[in-house]
Amino acid sequence: MLKSRVRKNLAIGLVITVVIAALSVVVADDGSKMEELRMSLMVGLSVTGTVTGGTWLLQQRRSAP
C-alpha cells in the first residue's frame, strides 16, 4: 500500500501531526487545550501538505517525458 514516496510522506506526516497535537494538548495547562490542539493541527497539516505536495511535484517532473 505504501509503495510510493508520496504515500509514505503522507502517512509519516499524519502520524507525526497526531503525536505532536496530542502532546501539546497534554502539556497545555492554562486551559487553552482546544486552542493548542487547533494550532498544532493547522501547523502539522500544513507542513505535511507542503512536504507531500513537493514530493508529488518532484515525482511528476521526473516521470515527464
N, C-alpha and C. Protein backbone atom coordinates (compact mmCIF):
# COMPACT_ATOMS: atom_id res chain seq x y z
N MET A 1 0.82 -1.20 0.00
CA MET A 1 0.00 0.00 0.00
C MET A 1 0.87 1.26 0.00
N LEU A 2 1.91 1.29 0.79
CA LEU A 2 2.75 2.48 0.88
C LEU A 2 3.98 2.34 0.01
N LYS A 3 3.77 2.16 -1.28
CA LYS A 3 4.90 1.94 -2.18
C LYS A 3 5.51 3.24 -2.66
N SER A 4 4.74 4.25 -2.86
CA SER A 4 5.29 5.50 -3.40
C SER A 4 5.77 6.40 -2.26
N ARG A 5 6.69 7.29 -2.60
CA ARG A 5 7.22 8.23 -1.60
C ARG A 5 6.13 9.18 -1.12
N VAL A 6 5.21 9.52 -2.00
CA VAL A 6 4.15 10.45 -1.62
C VAL A 6 3.30 9.85 -0.51
N ARG A 7 2.92 8.60 -0.66
CA ARG A 7 2.09 7.96 0.37
C ARG A 7 2.86 7.78 1.66
N LYS A 8 4.13 7.44 1.55
CA LYS A 8 4.95 7.28 2.76
C LYS A 8 5.07 8.61 3.49
N ASN A 9 5.34 9.70 2.75
CA ASN A 9 5.45 11.02 3.38
C ASN A 9 4.14 11.43 4.02
N LEU A 10 3.04 11.15 3.35
CA LEU A 10 1.73 11.49 3.89
C LEU A 10 1.46 10.73 5.18
N ALA A 11 1.73 9.44 5.17
CA ALA A 11 1.48 8.62 6.36
C ALA A 11 2.36 9.05 7.53
N ILE A 12 3.64 9.27 7.26
CA ILE A 12 4.55 9.69 8.32
C ILE A 12 4.16 11.05 8.86
N GLY A 13 3.81 11.96 7.97
CA GLY A 13 3.41 13.30 8.39
C GLY A 13 2.15 13.30 9.24
N LEU A 14 1.19 12.48 8.87
CA LEU A 14 -0.05 12.42 9.66
C LEU A 14 0.20 11.82 11.04
N VAL A 15 1.05 10.81 11.12
CA VAL A 15 1.37 10.23 12.42
C VAL A 15 2.09 11.25 13.30
N ILE A 16 3.06 11.95 12.73
CA ILE A 16 3.79 12.96 13.49
C ILE A 16 2.85 14.08 13.94
N THR A 17 1.93 14.49 13.06
CA THR A 17 0.96 15.54 13.42
C THR A 17 0.09 15.11 14.59
N VAL A 18 -0.40 13.89 14.56
CA VAL A 18 -1.26 13.41 15.65
C VAL A 18 -0.49 13.34 16.96
N VAL A 19 0.74 12.85 16.91
CA VAL A 19 1.54 12.74 18.13
C VAL A 19 1.84 14.12 18.71
N ILE A 20 2.25 15.06 17.86
CA ILE A 20 2.57 16.41 18.36
C ILE A 20 1.30 17.09 18.89
N ALA A 21 0.18 16.91 18.21
CA ALA A 21 -1.07 17.51 18.69
C ALA A 21 -1.46 16.93 20.05
N ALA A 22 -1.32 15.63 20.19
CA ALA A 22 -1.67 15.01 21.48
C ALA A 22 -0.74 15.50 22.59
N LEU A 23 0.56 15.60 22.29
CA LEU A 23 1.50 16.08 23.30
C LEU A 23 1.24 17.54 23.67
N SER A 24 0.89 18.36 22.70
CA SER A 24 0.65 19.76 23.01
C SER A 24 -0.61 19.93 23.85
N VAL A 25 -1.60 19.08 23.67
CA VAL A 25 -2.81 19.15 24.50
C VAL A 25 -2.50 18.70 25.91
N VAL A 26 -1.68 17.67 26.05
CA VAL A 26 -1.33 17.17 27.37
C VAL A 26 -0.50 18.21 28.13
N VAL A 27 0.41 18.89 27.43
CA VAL A 27 1.30 19.86 28.07
C VAL A 27 0.56 21.16 28.40
N ALA A 28 -0.43 21.52 27.61
CA ALA A 28 -1.16 22.78 27.85
C ALA A 28 -1.87 22.70 29.20
N ASP A 29 -1.49 23.58 30.09
CA ASP A 29 -2.08 23.53 31.43
C ASP A 29 -2.82 24.81 31.80
N ASP A 30 -2.91 25.75 30.89
CA ASP A 30 -3.56 27.01 31.21
C ASP A 30 -5.00 27.09 30.72
N GLY A 31 -5.59 25.95 30.39
CA GLY A 31 -6.99 25.93 29.97
C GLY A 31 -7.21 26.18 28.50
N SER A 32 -6.16 26.30 27.73
CA SER A 32 -6.30 26.57 26.30
C SER A 32 -6.04 25.32 25.47
N LYS A 33 -6.57 24.20 25.91
CA LYS A 33 -6.30 22.94 25.24
C LYS A 33 -6.85 22.92 23.81
N MET A 34 -8.02 23.45 23.59
CA MET A 34 -8.59 23.45 22.24
C MET A 34 -7.79 24.36 21.32
N GLU A 35 -7.34 25.48 21.84
CA GLU A 35 -6.52 26.39 21.03
C GLU A 35 -5.19 25.74 20.65
N GLU A 36 -4.57 25.05 21.59
CA GLU A 36 -3.32 24.35 21.32
C GLU A 36 -3.54 23.23 20.31
N LEU A 37 -4.63 22.49 20.46
CA LEU A 37 -4.93 21.41 19.53
C LEU A 37 -5.14 21.96 18.13
N ARG A 38 -5.92 23.01 18.02
CA ARG A 38 -6.21 23.62 16.73
C ARG A 38 -4.94 24.13 16.06
N MET A 39 -4.08 24.80 16.82
CA MET A 39 -2.85 25.34 16.28
C MET A 39 -1.90 24.22 15.85
N SER A 40 -1.78 23.19 16.67
CA SER A 40 -0.90 22.08 16.33
C SER A 40 -1.38 21.36 15.08
N LEU A 41 -2.68 21.16 14.96
CA LEU A 41 -3.22 20.51 13.78
C LEU A 41 -3.02 21.35 12.53
N MET A 42 -3.22 22.65 12.64
CA MET A 42 -3.03 23.53 11.48
C MET A 42 -1.58 23.51 11.01
N VAL A 43 -0.66 23.64 11.93
CA VAL A 43 0.75 23.65 11.57
C VAL A 43 1.17 22.30 11.02
N GLY A 44 0.79 21.24 11.71
CA GLY A 44 1.18 19.90 11.27
C GLY A 44 0.62 19.53 9.92
N LEU A 45 -0.64 19.84 9.68
CA LEU A 45 -1.26 19.50 8.40
C LEU A 45 -0.70 20.36 7.27
N SER A 46 -0.35 21.61 7.56
CA SER A 46 0.22 22.45 6.51
C SER A 46 1.63 21.97 6.14
N VAL A 47 2.42 21.59 7.13
CA VAL A 47 3.76 21.06 6.84
C VAL A 47 3.65 19.73 6.10
N THR A 48 2.75 18.87 6.54
CA THR A 48 2.55 17.58 5.86
C THR A 48 2.11 17.80 4.42
N GLY A 49 1.19 18.72 4.20
CA GLY A 49 0.73 19.01 2.85
C GLY A 49 1.82 19.57 1.97
N THR A 50 2.66 20.43 2.54
CA THR A 50 3.76 21.01 1.77
C THR A 50 4.78 19.95 1.37
N VAL A 51 5.17 19.11 2.31
CA VAL A 51 6.16 18.07 2.01
C VAL A 51 5.58 17.05 1.03
N THR A 52 4.35 16.64 1.24
CA THR A 52 3.72 15.67 0.35
C THR A 52 3.53 16.26 -1.04
N GLY A 53 3.09 17.50 -1.12
CA GLY A 53 2.92 18.16 -2.41
C GLY A 53 4.24 18.34 -3.14
N GLY A 54 5.28 18.70 -2.41
CA GLY A 54 6.60 18.83 -3.01
C GLY A 54 7.11 17.51 -3.56
N THR A 55 6.91 16.46 -2.81
CA THR A 55 7.32 15.13 -3.27
C THR A 55 6.54 14.73 -4.51
N TRP A 56 5.25 15.02 -4.52
CA TRP A 56 4.42 14.68 -5.68
C TRP A 56 4.88 15.45 -6.91
N LEU A 57 5.18 16.74 -6.73
CA LEU A 57 5.66 17.54 -7.86
C LEU A 57 6.99 17.01 -8.40
N LEU A 58 7.89 16.64 -7.51
CA LEU A 58 9.17 16.07 -7.96
C LEU A 58 8.97 14.78 -8.72
N GLN A 59 8.06 13.94 -8.26
CA GLN A 59 7.78 12.69 -8.98
C GLN A 59 7.19 12.97 -10.35
N GLN A 60 6.34 13.97 -10.45
CA GLN A 60 5.72 14.31 -11.73
C GLN A 60 6.78 14.82 -12.72
N ARG A 61 7.72 15.61 -12.23
CA ARG A 61 8.78 16.12 -13.11
C ARG A 61 9.69 15.01 -13.58
N ARG A 62 10.01 14.09 -12.71
CA ARG A 62 10.90 13.00 -13.07
C ARG A 62 10.26 12.03 -14.06
N SER A 63 8.95 11.84 -13.95
CA SER A 63 8.28 10.89 -14.83
C SER A 63 7.81 11.51 -16.14
N ALA A 64 7.92 12.84 -16.27
CA ALA A 64 7.51 13.51 -17.51
C ALA A 64 8.51 13.18 -18.62
N PRO A 65 8.01 13.04 -19.84
CA PRO A 65 8.90 12.68 -20.96
C PRO A 65 9.84 13.79 -21.36
